[in-house]
Amino acid sequence: MAVTIKDVEHIAKLAKLDFSEEEKSKFTEEFNEILVFMEKLNELDTSKVEPLSHVIELQNVFREDSVRSSLPTQDALKNAPAKTEQFFKVPKVIDR
């Protein structure tokens, strides 16, 4: 399936872009080159290749969870610009 100038115009319209006739011709050629490359990839035998969700294997980098005491309220509120005895004071953002 080859890409035509009409296809490029449709893609440009979807992306709300405007191209000159020269740019449309250039994009048509480039899209067709991409399709030729994809066809070359389709020639490869991938029957013994496991599907991947990522190109490289990922590892969890989080630390182990551990139980420990929380920050004391007074320390948490120490640098707050507005506070009450136990809470941060913030502007009201929701009307009832």
Protein backbone atom coordinates (compact mmCIF):
# COMPACT_ATOMS: atom_id res chain seq x y z
CA MET A 1 0.00 0.00 0.00
CA ALA A 2 1.59 3.23 -1.16
CA VAL A 3 0.97 6.63 0.37
CA THR A 4 -0.44 9.21 -2.03
CA ILE A 5 -0.49 13.00 -1.88
CA LYS A 6 -4.18 12.70 -1.01
CA ASP A 7 -3.19 10.61 2.06
CA VAL A 8 -0.65 13.25 3.08
CA GLU A 9 -3.28 15.96 2.70
CA HIS A 10 -5.67 13.94 4.90
CA ILE A 11 -2.99 13.46 7.58
CA ALA A 12 -2.14 17.17 7.43
CA LYS A 13 -5.82 18.05 7.84
CA LEU A 14 -6.12 15.77 10.88
CA ALA A 15 -3.03 17.40 12.40
CA LYS A 16 -4.33 20.85 11.42
CA LEU A 17 -1.20 21.53 9.37
CA ASP A 18 -0.83 23.24 6.01
CA PHE A 19 1.90 22.20 3.58
CA SER A 20 3.03 23.50 0.23
CA GLU A 21 2.81 21.21 -2.81
CA GLU A 22 6.58 20.66 -2.60
CA GLU A 23 6.33 19.61 1.06
CA LYS A 24 3.43 17.27 0.28
CA SER A 25 5.52 15.58 -2.43
CA LYS A 26 8.47 15.25 -0.07
CA PHE A 27 6.31 13.76 2.71
CA THR A 28 4.76 11.33 0.23
CA GLU A 29 8.22 10.08 -0.74
CA GLU A 30 9.36 9.85 2.89
CA PHE A 31 6.24 7.96 4.00
CA ASN A 32 6.70 5.51 1.15
CA GLU A 33 10.35 4.99 2.11
CA ILE A 34 9.19 4.19 5.65
CA LEU A 35 6.71 1.65 4.29
CA VAL A 36 9.44 0.01 2.17
CA PHE A 37 11.57 -0.31 5.30
CA MET A 38 8.64 -1.82 7.22
CA GLU A 39 8.18 -4.38 4.45
CA LYS A 40 11.86 -5.36 4.83
CA LEU A 41 11.24 -5.91 8.55
CA ASN A 42 8.23 -8.09 7.73
CA GLU A 43 10.57 -10.43 5.82
CA LEU A 44 12.36 -11.39 9.04
CA ASP A 45 11.51 -14.68 10.73
CA THR A 46 10.30 -13.73 14.20
CA SER A 47 8.58 -17.02 15.04
CA LYS A 48 11.13 -17.81 17.77
CA VAL A 49 11.24 -14.30 19.24
CA GLU A 50 9.23 -13.66 22.39
CA PRO A 51 6.98 -10.59 22.29
CA LEU A 52 8.30 -7.66 24.32
CA SER A 53 6.58 -4.89 26.17
CA HIS A 54 9.92 -3.04 26.45
CA VAL A 55 13.08 -3.19 24.40
CA ILE A 56 15.25 -3.57 27.50
CA GLU A 57 14.45 -5.57 30.60
CA LEU A 58 13.21 -3.34 33.40
CA GLN A 59 13.90 -3.82 37.08
CA ASN A 60 12.10 -2.36 40.05
CA VAL A 61 14.34 0.29 41.61
CA PHE A 62 12.19 0.96 44.66
CA ARG A 63 13.47 0.26 48.14
CA GLU A 64 11.92 -2.37 50.37
CA ASP A 65 9.01 -1.18 52.48
CA SER A 66 9.80 -0.91 56.15
CA VAL A 67 7.68 0.05 59.14
CA ARG A 68 8.93 3.17 60.91
CA SER A 69 7.46 5.99 62.89
CA SER A 70 5.98 8.93 61.02
CA LEU A 71 7.16 12.52 61.17
CA PRO A 72 5.89 14.29 64.31
CA THR A 73 3.09 16.79 63.58
CA GLN A 74 5.06 19.75 64.94
CA ASP A 75 8.03 18.95 62.69
CA ALA A 76 5.77 18.58 59.64
CA LEU A 77 4.15 21.95 60.31
CA LYS A 78 7.39 23.73 61.19
CA ASN A 79 7.87 25.46 57.78
CA ALA A 80 4.20 25.79 56.82
CA PRO A 81 3.23 29.34 55.83
CA ALA A 82 -0.22 28.92 57.45
CA LYS A 83 -1.20 26.30 60.02
CA THR A 84 -3.42 25.48 62.96
CA GLU A 85 -2.36 23.34 65.91
CA GLN A 86 -2.51 20.08 63.92
CA PHE A 87 -3.20 20.94 60.27
CA PHE A 88 -1.90 22.85 57.26
CA LYS A 89 -4.13 25.82 56.54
CA VAL A 90 -4.98 26.27 52.85
CA PRO A 91 -7.35 28.50 50.89
CA LYS A 92 -10.83 27.13 50.28
CA VAL A 93 -11.10 25.78 46.73
CA ILE A 94 -14.47 23.96 46.78
CA ASP A 95 -17.84 25.63 47.30
CA ARG A 96 -20.63 23.66 48.93
